């Protein structure tokens, strides 16, 4: 199964240098790394990243995260994937730029429909 993280370009550049993604400021504050399923991404982007142009969408394979991954109720009672611990870059399967469309909303890659 795949899960997704929206993060800033600079955050991701730092992760590539260090070899591990510790999470965003919000993740560090909450004590876990926030993820979304493909079906939750649009809501996550509009609620937490509206108007940001410096974003990437990173795709992870959950098999590499089993020991630290928990599914917990969040927005509207839906279960969201949360990772308790640093994120190994070996779990990354793909990344995409996450541009804004003409309507000001983020444009997600068509490949997500297969996730």
N, C-alpha and C. Protein backbone atom coordinates (compact mmCIF):
# COMPACT_ATOMS: atom_id res chain seq x y z
N UNK A 1 0.85 -1.18 0.00
CA UNK A 1 0.00 0.00 0.00
C UNK A 1 0.89 1.24 0.00
N UNK A 2 0.40 2.30 -0.64
CA UNK A 2 1.14 3.55 -0.71
C UNK A 2 0.47 4.61 0.16
N UNK A 3 1.29 5.44 0.80
CA UNK A 3 0.83 6.61 1.51
C UNK A 3 1.67 7.79 1.03
N UNK A 4 1.21 9.00 1.35
CA UNK A 4 1.81 10.19 0.76
C UNK A 4 2.10 11.26 1.80
N UNK A 5 3.17 12.01 1.54
CA UNK A 5 3.56 13.13 2.38
C UNK A 5 3.71 14.35 1.49
N UNK A 6 3.10 15.44 1.88
CA UNK A 6 3.31 16.72 1.22
C UNK A 6 4.35 17.46 2.04
N UNK A 7 5.39 17.91 1.38
CA UNK A 7 6.42 18.65 2.13
C UNK A 7 7.03 19.74 1.25
N UNK A 8 7.67 20.68 1.90
CA UNK A 8 8.31 21.78 1.20
C UNK A 8 9.61 21.32 0.54
N UNK A 9 9.96 22.00 -0.55
CA UNK A 9 11.19 21.70 -1.28
C UNK A 9 12.41 21.70 -0.37
N UNK A 10 12.54 22.72 0.47
CA UNK A 10 13.70 22.85 1.34
C UNK A 10 13.76 21.72 2.36
N UNK A 11 12.62 21.34 2.92
CA UNK A 11 12.58 20.20 3.86
C UNK A 11 13.12 18.95 3.18
N UNK A 12 12.70 18.74 1.94
CA UNK A 12 13.10 17.53 1.23
C UNK A 12 14.58 17.56 0.86
N UNK A 13 15.07 18.73 0.45
CA UNK A 13 16.50 18.87 0.16
C UNK A 13 17.33 18.53 1.39
N UNK A 14 16.91 19.01 2.56
CA UNK A 14 17.62 18.70 3.80
C UNK A 14 17.57 17.20 4.11
N UNK A 15 16.45 16.57 3.83
CA UNK A 15 16.34 15.12 4.05
C UNK A 15 17.29 14.36 3.15
N UNK A 16 17.40 14.78 1.90
CA UNK A 16 18.30 14.10 0.97
C UNK A 16 19.76 14.23 1.42
N UNK A 17 20.11 15.36 1.98
CA UNK A 17 21.47 15.57 2.47
C UNK A 17 21.75 14.70 3.69
N UNK A 18 20.79 14.65 4.61
CA UNK A 18 21.01 13.91 5.87
C UNK A 18 20.71 12.42 5.74
N UNK A 19 19.91 12.04 4.71
CA UNK A 19 19.56 10.64 4.52
C UNK A 19 18.33 10.19 5.29
N UNK A 20 17.67 11.13 5.97
CA UNK A 20 16.47 10.80 6.74
C UNK A 20 15.57 12.02 6.80
N UNK A 21 14.28 11.80 6.81
CA UNK A 21 13.33 12.90 6.92
C UNK A 21 12.76 12.90 8.34
N UNK A 22 13.09 13.91 9.16
CA UNK A 22 12.61 13.93 10.54
C UNK A 22 11.18 14.42 10.68
N UNK A 23 10.64 15.03 9.62
CA UNK A 23 9.29 15.57 9.67
C UNK A 23 9.30 17.08 9.58
N UNK A 24 8.12 17.63 9.33
CA UNK A 24 7.94 19.08 9.27
C UNK A 24 7.89 19.64 10.69
N UNK A 25 7.80 20.95 10.81
CA UNK A 25 7.65 21.56 12.13
C UNK A 25 6.38 21.05 12.82
N UNK A 26 5.29 20.91 12.04
CA UNK A 26 4.04 20.38 12.61
C UNK A 26 4.21 18.94 13.07
N UNK A 27 4.92 18.14 12.27
CA UNK A 27 5.17 16.74 12.64
C UNK A 27 5.96 16.67 13.95
N UNK A 28 7.01 17.47 14.03
CA UNK A 28 7.86 17.47 15.23
C UNK A 28 7.05 17.91 16.45
N UNK A 29 6.19 18.90 16.28
CA UNK A 29 5.34 19.36 17.38
C UNK A 29 4.39 18.26 17.85
N UNK A 30 3.81 17.52 16.88
CA UNK A 30 2.80 16.51 17.21
C UNK A 30 3.40 15.18 17.64
N UNK A 31 4.69 14.97 17.38
CA UNK A 31 5.34 13.74 17.81
C UNK A 31 5.24 12.59 16.83
N UNK A 32 4.76 12.86 15.62
CA UNK A 32 4.68 11.84 14.57
C UNK A 32 4.64 12.54 13.23
N UNK A 33 4.97 11.79 12.16
CA UNK A 33 4.93 12.33 10.81
C UNK A 33 3.56 12.05 10.21
N UNK A 34 2.91 13.12 9.77
CA UNK A 34 1.57 13.04 9.17
C UNK A 34 1.66 12.57 7.72
N UNK A 35 0.85 11.60 7.36
CA UNK A 35 0.71 11.13 5.99
C UNK A 35 -0.75 11.18 5.60
N UNK A 36 -1.01 10.96 4.33
CA UNK A 36 -2.37 10.86 3.80
C UNK A 36 -2.42 9.71 2.81
N UNK A 37 -3.59 9.16 2.65
CA UNK A 37 -3.82 8.22 1.56
C UNK A 37 -4.09 9.05 0.30
N UNK A 38 -4.14 8.41 -0.85
CA UNK A 38 -4.42 9.12 -2.09
C UNK A 38 -5.76 9.86 -2.00
N UNK A 39 -6.75 9.24 -1.41
CA UNK A 39 -8.07 9.85 -1.30
C UNK A 39 -8.15 11.00 -0.31
N UNK A 40 -7.18 11.13 0.57
CA UNK A 40 -7.17 12.19 1.57
C UNK A 40 -6.33 13.40 1.16
N UNK A 41 -5.57 13.27 0.08
CA UNK A 41 -4.59 14.30 -0.28
C UNK A 41 -5.19 15.66 -0.58
N UNK A 42 -6.26 15.73 -1.34
CA UNK A 42 -6.82 17.03 -1.69
C UNK A 42 -7.26 17.78 -0.44
N UNK A 43 -7.89 17.10 0.49
CA UNK A 43 -8.30 17.73 1.74
C UNK A 43 -7.12 18.20 2.57
N UNK A 44 -6.07 17.39 2.62
CA UNK A 44 -4.87 17.75 3.35
C UNK A 44 -4.22 18.98 2.73
N UNK A 45 -4.10 18.99 1.41
CA UNK A 45 -3.47 20.12 0.73
C UNK A 45 -4.25 21.41 0.95
N UNK A 46 -5.56 21.36 0.82
CA UNK A 46 -6.36 22.58 0.96
C UNK A 46 -6.39 23.07 2.40
N UNK A 47 -6.36 22.16 3.36
CA UNK A 47 -6.42 22.58 4.77
C UNK A 47 -5.07 23.07 5.29
N UNK A 48 -3.99 22.41 4.93
CA UNK A 48 -2.69 22.71 5.54
C UNK A 48 -1.67 23.38 4.62
N UNK A 49 -1.91 23.38 3.31
CA UNK A 49 -0.90 23.88 2.38
C UNK A 49 -1.47 24.85 1.34
N UNK A 50 -2.63 25.40 1.58
CA UNK A 50 -3.28 26.27 0.60
C UNK A 50 -2.36 27.40 0.15
N UNK A 51 -2.26 27.56 -1.17
CA UNK A 51 -1.50 28.64 -1.75
C UNK A 51 0.01 28.45 -1.81
N UNK A 52 0.53 27.40 -1.21
CA UNK A 52 1.99 27.18 -1.23
C UNK A 52 2.42 26.61 -2.57
N UNK A 53 3.47 27.21 -3.11
CA UNK A 53 3.97 26.80 -4.42
C UNK A 53 5.25 25.99 -4.33
N UNK A 54 5.81 25.83 -3.15
CA UNK A 54 7.13 25.19 -2.98
C UNK A 54 7.02 23.75 -2.52
N UNK A 55 6.02 23.02 -3.01
CA UNK A 55 5.71 21.71 -2.44
C UNK A 55 6.08 20.54 -3.35
N UNK A 56 6.35 19.43 -2.69
CA UNK A 56 6.54 18.15 -3.34
C UNK A 56 5.55 17.16 -2.75
N UNK A 57 5.21 16.18 -3.53
CA UNK A 57 4.39 15.07 -3.07
C UNK A 57 5.28 13.83 -3.12
N UNK A 58 5.45 13.20 -1.98
CA UNK A 58 6.34 12.05 -1.88
C UNK A 58 5.49 10.81 -1.61
N UNK A 59 5.75 9.75 -2.36
CA UNK A 59 5.01 8.49 -2.25
C UNK A 59 5.87 7.47 -1.51
N UNK A 60 5.28 6.81 -0.53
CA UNK A 60 5.98 5.82 0.30
C UNK A 60 5.26 4.49 0.25
N UNK A 61 6.03 3.44 0.33
CA UNK A 61 5.50 2.09 0.43
C UNK A 61 5.41 1.73 1.92
N UNK A 62 4.22 1.38 2.38
CA UNK A 62 4.03 1.13 3.81
C UNK A 62 4.79 -0.08 4.33
N UNK A 63 5.16 -1.02 3.45
CA UNK A 63 5.90 -2.20 3.90
C UNK A 63 7.18 -1.85 4.63
N UNK A 64 7.80 -0.72 4.28
CA UNK A 64 9.05 -0.30 4.90
C UNK A 64 8.84 0.44 6.21
N UNK A 65 7.58 0.66 6.60
CA UNK A 65 7.28 1.49 7.77
C UNK A 65 6.49 0.76 8.84
N UNK A 66 6.24 -0.51 8.66
CA UNK A 66 5.30 -1.26 9.50
C UNK A 66 5.50 -1.08 11.00
N UNK A 67 6.70 -1.16 11.47
CA UNK A 67 6.93 -1.13 12.92
C UNK A 67 6.52 0.18 13.57
N UNK A 68 6.60 1.28 12.84
CA UNK A 68 6.34 2.59 13.42
C UNK A 68 5.07 3.26 12.88
N UNK A 69 4.37 2.61 11.96
CA UNK A 69 3.20 3.21 11.32
C UNK A 69 1.92 2.82 12.07
N UNK A 70 1.12 3.84 12.37
CA UNK A 70 -0.17 3.60 13.03
C UNK A 70 -1.25 4.34 12.26
N UNK A 71 -2.42 3.75 12.20
CA UNK A 71 -3.58 4.38 11.56
C UNK A 71 -4.46 4.92 12.66
N UNK A 72 -4.63 6.25 12.68
CA UNK A 72 -5.34 6.89 13.79
C UNK A 72 -6.40 7.85 13.26
N UNK A 73 -7.47 7.98 14.03
CA UNK A 73 -8.57 8.87 13.66
C UNK A 73 -8.09 10.32 13.68
N UNK A 74 -8.51 11.04 12.67
CA UNK A 74 -8.16 12.46 12.56
C UNK A 74 -9.34 13.18 11.94
N UNK A 75 -9.11 14.00 10.95
CA UNK A 75 -10.12 14.84 10.32
C UNK A 75 -11.40 14.04 10.01
N UNK A 76 -12.49 14.43 10.65
CA UNK A 76 -13.78 13.79 10.40
C UNK A 76 -13.86 12.35 10.85
N UNK A 77 -12.93 11.91 11.70
CA UNK A 77 -12.91 10.55 12.18
C UNK A 77 -12.25 9.56 11.23
N UNK A 78 -11.79 10.05 10.07
CA UNK A 78 -11.11 9.17 9.11
C UNK A 78 -9.77 8.72 9.67
N UNK A 79 -9.37 7.50 9.31
CA UNK A 79 -8.08 6.98 9.75
C UNK A 79 -6.98 7.51 8.84
N UNK A 80 -5.99 8.13 9.46
CA UNK A 80 -4.83 8.67 8.74
C UNK A 80 -3.59 7.92 9.18
N UNK A 81 -2.65 7.71 8.27
CA UNK A 81 -1.39 7.07 8.64
C UNK A 81 -0.46 8.07 9.33
N UNK A 82 0.07 7.65 10.48
CA UNK A 82 1.01 8.45 11.26
C UNK A 82 2.24 7.60 11.54
N UNK A 83 3.41 8.18 11.31
CA UNK A 83 4.66 7.46 11.56
C UNK A 83 5.31 8.00 12.82
N UNK A 84 5.55 7.12 13.76
CA UNK A 84 6.20 7.48 15.02
C UNK A 84 7.67 7.14 14.92
N UNK A 85 8.44 8.10 14.45
CA UNK A 85 9.87 7.92 14.28
C UNK A 85 10.31 8.58 12.99
N UNK A 86 11.61 8.63 12.76
CA UNK A 86 12.11 9.24 11.53
C UNK A 86 11.77 8.39 10.32
N UNK A 87 11.70 9.05 9.20
CA UNK A 87 11.30 8.40 7.96
C UNK A 87 12.52 8.01 7.14
N UNK A 88 12.75 6.71 6.94
CA UNK A 88 13.89 6.30 6.12
C UNK A 88 13.62 6.59 4.64
N UNK A 89 14.61 7.14 3.99
CA UNK A 89 14.43 7.47 2.57
C UNK A 89 14.30 6.23 1.69
N UNK A 90 14.69 5.07 2.20
CA UNK A 90 14.54 3.82 1.45
C UNK A 90 13.06 3.49 1.19
N UNK A 91 12.17 4.08 1.97
CA UNK A 91 10.74 3.84 1.81
C UNK A 91 10.13 4.64 0.66
N UNK A 92 10.86 5.60 0.13
CA UNK A 92 10.35 6.46 -0.95
C UNK A 92 10.24 5.67 -2.24
N UNK A 93 9.11 5.79 -2.90
CA UNK A 93 8.91 5.13 -4.18
C UNK A 93 8.92 6.11 -5.33
N UNK A 94 8.46 7.33 -5.09
CA UNK A 94 8.39 8.32 -6.16
C UNK A 94 8.10 9.69 -5.55
N UNK A 95 8.44 10.74 -6.30
CA UNK A 95 8.07 12.09 -5.88
C UNK A 95 7.65 12.91 -7.09
N UNK A 96 6.83 13.89 -6.84
CA UNK A 96 6.34 14.79 -7.88
C UNK A 96 6.34 16.21 -7.34
N UNK A 97 6.52 17.18 -8.24
CA UNK A 97 6.23 18.57 -7.88
C UNK A 97 4.73 18.68 -7.68
N UNK A 98 4.33 19.61 -6.81
CA UNK A 98 2.90 19.80 -6.53
C UNK A 98 2.53 21.25 -6.83
N UNK A 99 2.34 21.56 -8.12
CA UNK A 99 2.08 22.94 -8.52
C UNK A 99 0.65 23.37 -8.21
N UNK A 100 0.47 24.67 -8.26
CA UNK A 100 -0.87 25.24 -8.14
C UNK A 100 -1.48 25.38 -9.54
N UNK A 101 -2.74 25.05 -9.65
CA UNK A 101 -3.45 25.23 -10.90
C UNK A 101 -3.96 26.67 -11.03
N UNK A 102 -4.58 26.97 -12.13
CA UNK A 102 -5.12 28.31 -12.36
C UNK A 102 -6.17 28.69 -11.32
N UNK A 103 -6.83 27.70 -10.75
CA UNK A 103 -7.86 27.96 -9.74
C UNK A 103 -7.28 28.13 -8.34
N UNK A 104 -5.94 28.03 -8.20
CA UNK A 104 -5.29 28.19 -6.90
C UNK A 104 -5.21 26.92 -6.08
N UNK A 105 -5.73 25.83 -6.62
CA UNK A 105 -5.67 24.54 -5.91
C UNK A 105 -4.52 23.73 -6.46
N UNK A 106 -3.99 22.84 -5.64
CA UNK A 106 -2.86 22.01 -6.08
C UNK A 106 -3.31 21.00 -7.13
N UNK A 107 -2.41 20.77 -8.08
CA UNK A 107 -2.66 19.84 -9.16
C UNK A 107 -1.91 18.55 -8.86
N UNK A 108 -2.65 17.48 -8.64
CA UNK A 108 -2.07 16.19 -8.29
C UNK A 108 -1.79 15.37 -9.55
N UNK A 109 -0.75 14.56 -9.51
CA UNK A 109 -0.41 13.74 -10.69
C UNK A 109 -1.50 12.71 -10.98
N UNK A 110 -1.77 12.47 -12.27
CA UNK A 110 -2.78 11.49 -12.65
C UNK A 110 -2.46 10.08 -12.14
N UNK A 111 -1.19 9.77 -11.93
CA UNK A 111 -0.78 8.44 -11.49
C UNK A 111 -1.36 8.08 -10.11
N UNK A 112 -1.83 9.06 -9.35
CA UNK A 112 -2.40 8.77 -8.03
C UNK A 112 -3.64 7.93 -8.11
N UNK A 113 -4.33 7.99 -9.20
CA UNK A 113 -5.55 7.20 -9.35
C UNK A 113 -5.24 5.70 -9.25
N UNK A 114 -4.00 5.31 -9.51
CA UNK A 114 -3.61 3.91 -9.44
C UNK A 114 -3.11 3.50 -8.05
N UNK A 115 -3.05 4.45 -7.11
CA UNK A 115 -2.47 4.18 -5.79
C UNK A 115 -3.51 3.70 -4.81
